[in-house]
N, C-alpha and C. Protein backbone atom coordinates (compact mmCIF):
# COMPACT_ATOMS: atom_id res chain seq x y z
N MET A 1 0.02 30.96 -11.40
CA MET A 1 0.23 30.13 -10.35
C MET A 1 1.51 29.06 -10.70
N LEU A 2 1.70 28.70 -11.94
CA LEU A 2 2.93 27.87 -12.43
C LEU A 2 4.05 28.66 -12.17
N GLU A 3 4.14 29.86 -11.92
CA GLU A 3 5.55 30.85 -11.90
C GLU A 3 6.25 30.33 -10.77
N THR A 4 5.32 29.73 -9.44
CA THR A 4 6.08 29.43 -8.40
C THR A 4 6.83 27.66 -8.65
N LEU A 5 6.09 26.95 -9.62
CA LEU A 5 6.71 25.72 -9.86
C LEU A 5 8.21 26.33 -10.78
N TYR A 6 8.00 27.02 -11.77
CA TYR A 6 9.24 27.53 -12.50
C TYR A 6 10.24 27.94 -11.62
N LEU A 7 9.93 28.64 -10.62
CA LEU A 7 10.94 29.34 -9.84
C LEU A 7 11.47 28.16 -9.11
N HIS A 8 10.89 27.15 -8.36
CA HIS A 8 11.16 26.18 -7.94
C HIS A 8 12.18 25.32 -8.67
N LEU A 9 11.86 24.94 -9.79
CA LEU A 9 12.70 24.19 -10.84
C LEU A 9 13.89 24.77 -11.24
N SER A 10 13.69 26.10 -11.44
CA SER A 10 14.93 26.91 -11.84
C SER A 10 16.20 27.08 -10.91
N GLY A 11 15.85 26.59 -9.80
CA GLY A 11 16.87 26.47 -8.68
C GLY A 11 17.84 25.34 -8.98
N HIS A 12 17.31 24.40 -10.04
CA HIS A 12 18.06 23.25 -10.13
C HIS A 12 18.55 23.15 -11.79
N ASP A 13 17.91 23.87 -12.42
CA ASP A 13 18.28 23.79 -13.83
C ASP A 13 17.36 25.08 -14.82
N VAL A 14 17.98 25.33 -16.10
CA VAL A 14 17.21 26.24 -16.70
C VAL A 14 16.14 25.65 -17.46
N LEU A 15 15.01 26.48 -17.23
CA LEU A 15 13.69 25.81 -18.10
C LEU A 15 13.50 26.82 -19.17
N SER A 16 13.42 26.10 -20.32
CA SER A 16 13.13 26.42 -21.64
C SER A 16 11.81 26.82 -21.81
N ASP A 17 11.31 27.68 -22.75
CA ASP A 17 9.94 27.91 -23.01
C ASP A 17 9.07 27.05 -23.38
N GLU A 18 9.83 26.03 -23.90
CA GLU A 18 9.31 24.73 -24.59
C GLU A 18 8.92 23.86 -23.22
N GLU A 19 9.89 23.82 -22.31
CA GLU A 19 9.66 23.25 -21.22
C GLU A 19 8.48 23.56 -20.10
N ARG A 20 8.54 24.97 -20.36
CA ARG A 20 7.57 25.37 -19.33
C ARG A 20 6.08 25.11 -20.07
N SER A 21 6.06 25.28 -21.30
CA SER A 21 4.68 24.83 -21.87
C SER A 21 4.38 23.59 -21.64
N LEU A 22 5.38 22.39 -21.85
CA LEU A 22 4.98 20.94 -21.51
C LEU A 22 4.55 20.73 -20.22
N LEU A 23 5.20 21.70 -19.05
CA LEU A 23 4.70 21.50 -17.94
C LEU A 23 3.36 21.78 -17.55
N ALA A 24 3.19 23.15 -18.19
CA ALA A 24 1.79 23.77 -17.96
C ALA A 24 0.56 22.65 -18.90
N ASP A 25 1.01 22.03 -19.84
CA ASP A 25 0.22 21.03 -20.59
C ASP A 25 -0.32 19.84 -19.91
N THR A 26 0.74 19.48 -18.89
CA THR A 26 0.51 18.28 -18.01
C THR A 26 -0.75 18.46 -16.93
N ILE A 27 -0.88 19.72 -16.60
CA ILE A 27 -1.69 19.98 -15.71
C ILE A 27 -3.03 19.96 -16.17
N VAL A 28 -3.86 18.82 -15.67
CA VAL A 28 -5.01 18.39 -16.26
C VAL A 28 -6.32 18.98 -15.49
N ASN A 29 -6.27 18.87 -14.20
CA ASN A 29 -7.24 19.48 -13.26
C ASN A 29 -6.84 20.37 -12.31
N GLN A 30 -7.47 21.52 -12.08
CA GLN A 30 -7.01 22.27 -10.70
C GLN A 30 -8.06 22.22 -9.81
N ARG A 31 -7.73 22.08 -8.56
CA ARG A 31 -8.88 22.20 -7.49
C ARG A 31 -8.22 23.03 -6.30
N GLU A 32 -8.90 23.65 -5.73
CA GLU A 32 -8.48 24.52 -4.45
C GLU A 32 -9.17 23.78 -3.46
N PHE A 33 -8.35 23.87 -2.18
CA PHE A 33 -8.87 23.13 -1.07
C PHE A 33 -8.90 24.21 0.06
N THR A 34 -9.75 23.84 0.92
CA THR A 34 -9.94 24.75 2.20
C THR A 34 -9.10 24.19 3.32
N GLU A 35 -8.53 25.34 3.88
CA GLU A 35 -7.75 24.99 5.25
C GLU A 35 -8.42 23.92 6.20
N GLY A 36 -7.40 22.94 6.36
CA GLY A 36 -7.66 21.82 6.92
C GLY A 36 -8.34 20.33 6.46
N GLU A 37 -8.62 20.81 4.82
CA GLU A 37 -9.17 19.67 4.03
C GLU A 37 -8.02 18.61 3.72
N ASP A 38 -8.41 17.74 3.61
CA ASP A 38 -7.04 16.48 3.13
C ASP A 38 -6.99 16.41 1.81
N LEU A 39 -5.95 16.46 1.14
CA LEU A 39 -5.67 16.16 -0.16
C LEU A 39 -5.83 15.07 -0.69
N VAL A 40 -5.41 13.74 0.01
CA VAL A 40 -5.38 12.50 -0.06
C VAL A 40 -5.59 12.05 1.35
N SER A 41 -6.63 11.04 1.40
CA SER A 41 -6.70 10.41 2.65
C SER A 41 -6.10 9.19 2.85
N GLU A 42 -5.67 8.68 3.99
CA GLU A 42 -5.01 7.57 4.26
C GLU A 42 -5.69 6.51 3.82
N GLY A 43 -4.98 5.45 3.13
CA GLY A 43 -5.62 4.53 2.58
C GLY A 43 -6.24 4.40 1.42
N SER A 44 -6.22 5.67 0.73
CA SER A 44 -6.76 5.65 -0.47
C SER A 44 -5.87 5.49 -1.58
N ARG A 45 -6.26 5.35 -2.66
CA ARG A 45 -5.20 4.64 -3.94
C ARG A 45 -5.25 5.63 -5.03
N PRO A 46 -4.88 6.87 -4.92
CA PRO A 46 -5.11 7.89 -5.96
C PRO A 46 -4.61 7.71 -7.45
N SER A 47 -5.23 7.95 -8.43
CA SER A 47 -4.91 7.54 -9.77
C SER A 47 -4.47 8.83 -10.43
N PHE A 48 -3.84 9.71 -9.68
CA PHE A 48 -3.23 10.87 -10.30
C PHE A 48 -2.34 11.31 -9.11
N SER A 49 -1.42 12.42 -9.50
CA SER A 49 -0.47 12.94 -8.69
C SER A 49 -0.80 14.43 -8.41
N THR A 50 -0.35 14.84 -7.35
CA THR A 50 -0.76 16.40 -6.74
C THR A 50 0.28 17.11 -6.84
N LEU A 51 0.37 18.18 -7.79
CA LEU A 51 1.37 19.19 -7.64
C LEU A 51 0.57 20.45 -6.97
N LEU A 52 1.46 20.78 -5.78
CA LEU A 52 0.88 22.07 -4.94
C LEU A 52 1.51 23.28 -5.65
N LEU A 53 0.33 24.14 -6.24
CA LEU A 53 0.86 25.35 -6.92
C LEU A 53 0.72 26.71 -6.21
N ASP A 54 0.21 26.53 -4.81
CA ASP A 54 0.13 27.91 -4.02
C ASP A 54 -0.08 27.36 -2.61
N GLY A 55 0.40 27.96 -1.66
CA GLY A 55 0.09 27.72 -0.16
C GLY A 55 1.21 26.57 0.40
N PHE A 56 0.59 25.79 1.44
CA PHE A 56 1.45 24.66 2.09
C PHE A 56 0.44 23.45 2.29
N ALA A 57 1.04 22.58 2.32
CA ALA A 57 0.56 21.17 2.65
C ALA A 57 1.28 20.37 4.04
N ALA A 58 0.73 19.57 4.60
CA ALA A 58 1.54 18.78 5.35
C ALA A 58 1.11 17.42 5.35
N ARG A 59 2.10 16.50 5.49
CA ARG A 59 1.50 15.00 5.44
C ARG A 59 1.68 14.63 6.92
N TYR A 60 0.67 13.78 7.35
CA TYR A 60 0.61 13.33 8.86
C TYR A 60 0.23 12.11 9.02
N LYS A 61 0.34 11.52 10.36
CA LYS A 61 -0.24 10.24 10.52
C LYS A 61 -0.90 10.35 11.99
N TYR A 62 -1.96 9.73 12.08
CA TYR A 62 -2.60 9.49 13.34
C TYR A 62 -1.79 8.69 14.49
N LEU A 63 -1.61 9.15 15.72
CA LEU A 63 -0.97 8.21 16.67
C LEU A 63 -1.90 7.57 17.51
N GLU A 64 -1.39 6.73 18.36
CA GLU A 64 -2.26 5.63 18.93
C GLU A 64 -3.23 6.59 19.92
N ASN A 65 -2.63 7.56 20.49
CA ASN A 65 -3.50 8.58 21.48
C ASN A 65 -4.48 9.51 20.79
N GLY A 66 -4.60 9.42 19.42
CA GLY A 66 -5.39 10.35 18.45
C GLY A 66 -4.73 11.54 18.04
N SER A 67 -3.58 11.83 18.67
CA SER A 67 -2.76 13.12 18.11
C SER A 67 -2.15 12.84 16.90
N ARG A 68 -1.97 13.88 16.10
CA ARG A 68 -1.17 14.02 14.63
C ARG A 68 0.27 14.01 14.93
N GLN A 69 1.08 13.26 13.90
CA GLN A 69 2.61 13.43 13.94
C GLN A 69 2.81 13.89 12.50
N PHE A 70 3.34 15.18 12.25
CA PHE A 70 3.64 15.71 11.10
C PHE A 70 4.85 15.02 10.69
N THR A 71 4.78 14.19 9.28
CA THR A 71 6.02 13.85 8.78
C THR A 71 6.51 14.30 7.70
N ALA A 72 5.95 15.44 7.07
CA ALA A 72 6.39 16.36 5.81
C ALA A 72 5.82 17.45 5.93
N LEU A 73 6.45 18.60 5.27
CA LEU A 73 5.80 20.00 5.01
C LEU A 73 6.11 20.13 3.47
N HIS A 74 4.97 20.68 2.82
CA HIS A 74 5.35 20.92 1.41
C HIS A 74 4.92 22.32 1.08
N ILE A 75 5.81 23.00 0.02
CA ILE A 75 5.52 24.11 -0.38
C ILE A 75 5.17 24.05 -1.88
N ALA A 76 4.67 25.14 -2.45
CA ALA A 76 4.36 25.54 -3.60
C ALA A 76 5.49 25.11 -4.60
N GLY A 77 5.15 24.36 -5.40
CA GLY A 77 6.21 23.72 -6.42
C GLY A 77 6.41 22.23 -5.93
N ASP A 78 5.85 21.71 -4.91
CA ASP A 78 6.34 20.25 -4.50
C ASP A 78 5.04 19.56 -5.09
N PHE A 79 5.79 18.19 -5.31
CA PHE A 79 4.51 17.21 -5.68
C PHE A 79 4.41 16.50 -4.24
N VAL A 80 3.03 16.44 -3.98
CA VAL A 80 2.99 15.84 -2.55
C VAL A 80 2.74 14.51 -2.42
N ASP A 81 2.45 13.92 -3.43
CA ASP A 81 2.32 12.33 -3.12
C ASP A 81 3.09 11.59 -4.45
N LEU A 82 3.81 12.21 -4.98
CA LEU A 82 4.86 11.67 -6.17
C LEU A 82 5.24 10.14 -5.85
N HIS A 83 5.99 10.07 -4.53
CA HIS A 83 6.54 8.75 -4.23
C HIS A 83 5.44 7.54 -4.27
N ALA A 84 4.17 8.06 -4.12
CA ALA A 84 3.05 6.84 -4.10
C ALA A 84 2.22 6.77 -5.13
N PHE A 85 2.49 7.59 -6.25
CA PHE A 85 1.93 7.34 -7.68
C PHE A 85 2.63 6.32 -8.59
N SER A 86 1.69 5.47 -8.83
CA SER A 86 2.35 4.62 -10.00
C SER A 86 1.26 4.20 -11.07
């Protein structure tokens, strides 16, 4: 599953075997989500960052009329919440 991340990063720079190993070692937990399940809920304060290893994810917010507005799409190799992680 990390091959997608390596491919994504290789578009910007060359990854050494040591860098690939370090990236693999940083992944502490893996979790599978079902279609439609939220990775992070609005208002939550996660203590971790999420790297999407496979599939697609979307960021959205609810509008006043109850519909959703998509604000970002993520593909494998993206950190879906790195901007909010501190």
